[in-house]
């Protein structure tokens, strides 16, 4: 759903993100997450501007097919 991160996002240092289905369901339930803003709590870089969700990617198993799928966010 939505779009991928593109080369243009890297060139313009856009604050965009693609989240996985598990992330979208956890934080947005049945609502469409596209266009919503999310902030990352990071004590090393406080006050960072939020990311705009531009896409939702299918879930993948990172290390084991038996483990639960983790919430993921992808950014340029």
N, C-alpha and C. Protein backbone atom coordinates (compact mmCIF):
# COMPACT_ATOMS: atom_id res chain seq x y z
N UNK A 1 0.85 -1.16 0.00
CA UNK A 1 0.00 0.00 0.00
C UNK A 1 0.91 1.24 0.00
N UNK A 2 0.52 2.26 -0.69
CA UNK A 2 1.32 3.46 -0.74
C UNK A 2 2.43 3.34 -1.76
N UNK A 3 3.61 3.81 -1.38
CA UNK A 3 4.74 3.79 -2.30
C UNK A 3 6.01 3.33 -1.60
N UNK A 4 7.02 3.11 -2.40
CA UNK A 4 8.33 2.73 -1.89
C UNK A 4 9.15 3.98 -1.56
N UNK A 5 10.25 3.78 -0.88
CA UNK A 5 11.24 4.85 -0.71
C UNK A 5 12.00 4.94 -2.02
N UNK A 6 12.14 6.14 -2.55
CA UNK A 6 12.77 6.32 -3.85
C UNK A 6 14.12 7.03 -3.72
N UNK A 7 14.85 7.04 -4.81
CA UNK A 7 16.13 7.76 -4.86
C UNK A 7 15.92 9.23 -4.54
N UNK A 8 14.80 9.80 -4.98
CA UNK A 8 14.51 11.21 -4.70
C UNK A 8 14.44 11.47 -3.19
N UNK A 9 13.91 10.51 -2.44
CA UNK A 9 13.84 10.66 -0.98
C UNK A 9 15.25 10.76 -0.38
N UNK A 10 16.19 9.98 -0.93
CA UNK A 10 17.57 10.05 -0.46
C UNK A 10 18.20 11.40 -0.83
N UNK A 11 17.94 11.86 -2.04
CA UNK A 11 18.55 13.10 -2.52
C UNK A 11 18.04 14.32 -1.77
N UNK A 12 16.78 14.30 -1.37
CA UNK A 12 16.20 15.47 -0.69
C UNK A 12 16.21 15.32 0.82
N UNK A 13 16.75 14.22 1.33
CA UNK A 13 16.76 13.94 2.77
C UNK A 13 15.35 13.99 3.34
N UNK A 14 14.41 13.45 2.59
CA UNK A 14 13.01 13.43 3.02
C UNK A 14 12.84 12.62 4.30
N UNK A 15 11.96 13.08 5.15
CA UNK A 15 11.65 12.37 6.40
C UNK A 15 10.42 11.50 6.14
N UNK A 16 10.62 10.45 5.33
CA UNK A 16 9.54 9.53 4.99
C UNK A 16 9.90 8.14 5.49
N UNK A 17 8.89 7.31 5.64
CA UNK A 17 9.11 5.94 6.11
C UNK A 17 8.10 5.00 5.50
N UNK A 18 8.53 3.75 5.36
CA UNK A 18 7.65 2.65 5.02
C UNK A 18 7.62 1.77 6.26
N UNK A 19 6.45 1.34 6.67
CA UNK A 19 6.31 0.46 7.83
C UNK A 19 5.80 -0.89 7.36
N UNK A 20 6.01 -1.91 8.18
CA UNK A 20 5.49 -3.22 7.78
C UNK A 20 4.05 -3.38 8.28
N UNK A 21 3.39 -4.44 7.81
CA UNK A 21 1.99 -4.68 8.16
C UNK A 21 1.78 -4.81 9.67
N UNK A 22 2.71 -5.47 10.36
CA UNK A 22 2.60 -5.63 11.81
C UNK A 22 2.65 -4.29 12.51
N UNK A 23 3.53 -3.40 12.10
CA UNK A 23 3.63 -2.05 12.65
C UNK A 23 2.31 -1.32 12.42
N UNK A 24 1.80 -1.35 11.18
CA UNK A 24 0.57 -0.65 10.84
C UNK A 24 -0.61 -1.16 11.68
N UNK A 25 -0.74 -2.46 11.82
CA UNK A 25 -1.84 -3.02 12.59
C UNK A 25 -1.73 -2.67 14.07
N UNK A 26 -0.50 -2.70 14.61
CA UNK A 26 -0.30 -2.42 16.03
C UNK A 26 -0.65 -0.98 16.37
N UNK A 27 -0.17 -0.03 15.57
CA UNK A 27 -0.36 1.38 15.90
C UNK A 27 -1.61 2.01 15.29
N UNK A 28 -2.11 1.46 14.20
CA UNK A 28 -3.22 2.11 13.51
C UNK A 28 -4.46 1.23 13.39
N UNK A 29 -4.40 0.00 13.87
CA UNK A 29 -5.51 -0.96 13.81
C UNK A 29 -6.05 -1.03 12.39
N UNK A 30 -7.27 -0.63 12.16
CA UNK A 30 -7.88 -0.72 10.83
C UNK A 30 -7.74 0.58 10.03
N UNK A 31 -7.16 1.62 10.63
CA UNK A 31 -7.02 2.90 9.92
C UNK A 31 -5.87 2.83 8.92
N UNK A 32 -5.97 3.62 7.87
CA UNK A 32 -4.92 3.71 6.87
C UNK A 32 -3.77 4.54 7.44
N UNK A 33 -2.56 3.98 7.54
CA UNK A 33 -1.44 4.72 8.13
C UNK A 33 -0.78 5.73 7.18
N UNK A 34 -1.07 5.65 5.88
CA UNK A 34 -0.43 6.53 4.91
C UNK A 34 -0.74 7.99 5.26
N UNK A 35 0.31 8.79 5.32
CA UNK A 35 0.16 10.22 5.62
C UNK A 35 0.31 10.56 7.09
N UNK A 36 0.22 9.56 7.96
CA UNK A 36 0.40 9.82 9.39
C UNK A 36 1.88 10.07 9.69
N UNK A 37 2.14 10.80 10.75
CA UNK A 37 3.51 11.11 11.17
C UNK A 37 3.86 10.26 12.38
N UNK A 38 5.11 9.80 12.41
CA UNK A 38 5.60 9.04 13.55
C UNK A 38 6.94 9.61 13.99
N UNK A 39 7.15 9.61 15.29
CA UNK A 39 8.40 10.10 15.86
C UNK A 39 9.14 8.95 16.51
N UNK A 40 10.44 9.01 16.47
CA UNK A 40 11.29 8.00 17.08
C UNK A 40 11.95 8.60 18.31
N UNK A 41 11.74 7.95 19.44
CA UNK A 41 12.38 8.40 20.69
C UNK A 41 13.83 7.96 20.67
N UNK A 42 14.73 8.92 20.67
CA UNK A 42 16.16 8.62 20.60
C UNK A 42 16.90 9.59 21.51
N UNK A 43 17.43 9.08 22.60
CA UNK A 43 18.11 9.95 23.57
C UNK A 43 19.37 10.58 23.01
N UNK A 44 19.97 9.98 21.96
CA UNK A 44 21.17 10.56 21.35
C UNK A 44 20.84 11.73 20.44
N UNK A 45 19.60 11.77 19.92
CA UNK A 45 19.18 12.83 18.99
C UNK A 45 17.78 13.32 19.35
N UNK A 46 17.63 13.98 20.51
CA UNK A 46 16.29 14.42 20.92
C UNK A 46 15.76 15.51 19.98
N UNK A 47 14.45 15.57 19.87
CA UNK A 47 13.83 16.63 19.09
C UNK A 47 13.89 16.44 17.58
N UNK A 48 14.12 15.22 17.13
CA UNK A 48 14.15 14.95 15.69
C UNK A 48 12.76 15.16 15.09
N UNK A 49 12.68 15.69 13.87
CA UNK A 49 11.36 15.84 13.24
C UNK A 49 10.75 14.47 12.94
N UNK A 50 9.42 14.42 12.85
CA UNK A 50 8.77 13.13 12.60
C UNK A 50 8.94 12.66 11.16
N UNK A 51 8.68 11.39 10.97
CA UNK A 51 8.67 10.78 9.64
C UNK A 51 7.21 10.69 9.17
N UNK A 52 6.99 10.85 7.88
CA UNK A 52 5.66 10.65 7.31
C UNK A 52 5.61 9.26 6.70
N UNK A 53 4.60 8.50 7.06
CA UNK A 53 4.45 7.16 6.50
C UNK A 53 3.94 7.30 5.06
N UNK A 54 4.72 6.74 4.13
CA UNK A 54 4.34 6.81 2.71
C UNK A 54 4.00 5.44 2.13
N UNK A 55 4.26 4.37 2.89
CA UNK A 55 3.99 3.05 2.36
C UNK A 55 3.92 2.01 3.46
N UNK A 56 3.27 0.89 3.13
CA UNK A 56 3.20 -0.27 4.03
C UNK A 56 3.72 -1.48 3.25
N UNK A 57 4.73 -2.13 3.80
CA UNK A 57 5.34 -3.31 3.18
C UNK A 57 4.78 -4.58 3.82
N UNK A 58 4.81 -5.65 3.06
CA UNK A 58 4.39 -6.94 3.61
C UNK A 58 5.36 -7.36 4.72
N UNK A 59 4.84 -8.14 5.65
CA UNK A 59 5.67 -8.68 6.73
C UNK A 59 6.64 -9.72 6.19
N UNK A 60 7.82 -9.76 6.79
CA UNK A 60 8.79 -10.81 6.50
C UNK A 60 9.34 -11.34 7.82
N UNK A 61 9.81 -12.55 7.81
CA UNK A 61 10.49 -13.12 8.97
C UNK A 61 11.98 -12.84 8.80
N UNK A 62 12.55 -12.14 9.77
CA UNK A 62 13.96 -11.73 9.66
C UNK A 62 14.94 -12.87 9.84
N UNK A 63 14.79 -13.62 10.92
CA UNK A 63 15.82 -14.61 11.25
C UNK A 63 15.30 -16.03 11.36
N UNK A 64 14.02 -16.17 11.68
CA UNK A 64 13.45 -17.50 11.85
C UNK A 64 11.98 -17.47 11.46
N UNK A 65 11.56 -18.48 10.73
CA UNK A 65 10.15 -18.55 10.35
C UNK A 65 9.26 -18.87 11.54
N UNK A 66 9.84 -19.32 12.62
CA UNK A 66 9.06 -19.65 13.82
C UNK A 66 8.83 -18.45 14.73
N UNK A 67 9.68 -17.45 14.64
CA UNK A 67 9.54 -16.27 15.50
C UNK A 67 8.41 -15.37 15.00
N UNK A 68 7.82 -14.63 15.91
CA UNK A 68 6.79 -13.66 15.54
C UNK A 68 7.42 -12.56 14.68
N UNK A 69 6.65 -12.00 13.78
CA UNK A 69 7.14 -10.90 12.95
C UNK A 69 7.21 -9.66 13.82
N UNK A 70 8.32 -8.93 13.75
CA UNK A 70 8.51 -7.73 14.55
C UNK A 70 8.01 -6.50 13.80
N UNK A 71 7.63 -5.48 14.56
CA UNK A 71 7.24 -4.20 13.95
C UNK A 71 8.50 -3.57 13.35
N UNK A 72 8.39 -3.11 12.10
CA UNK A 72 9.53 -2.53 11.39
C UNK A 72 9.18 -1.22 10.73
N UNK A 73 10.15 -0.32 10.71
CA UNK A 73 10.05 0.93 9.98
C UNK A 73 11.30 1.06 9.12
N UNK A 74 11.12 1.45 7.89
CA UNK A 74 12.24 1.61 6.95
C UNK A 74 12.29 3.07 6.52
N UNK A 75 13.45 3.69 6.55
CA UNK A 75 13.59 5.11 6.20
C UNK A 75 14.84 5.29 5.34
N UNK A 76 14.85 6.35 4.52
CA UNK A 76 16.06 6.59 3.70
C UNK A 76 17.26 6.96 4.56
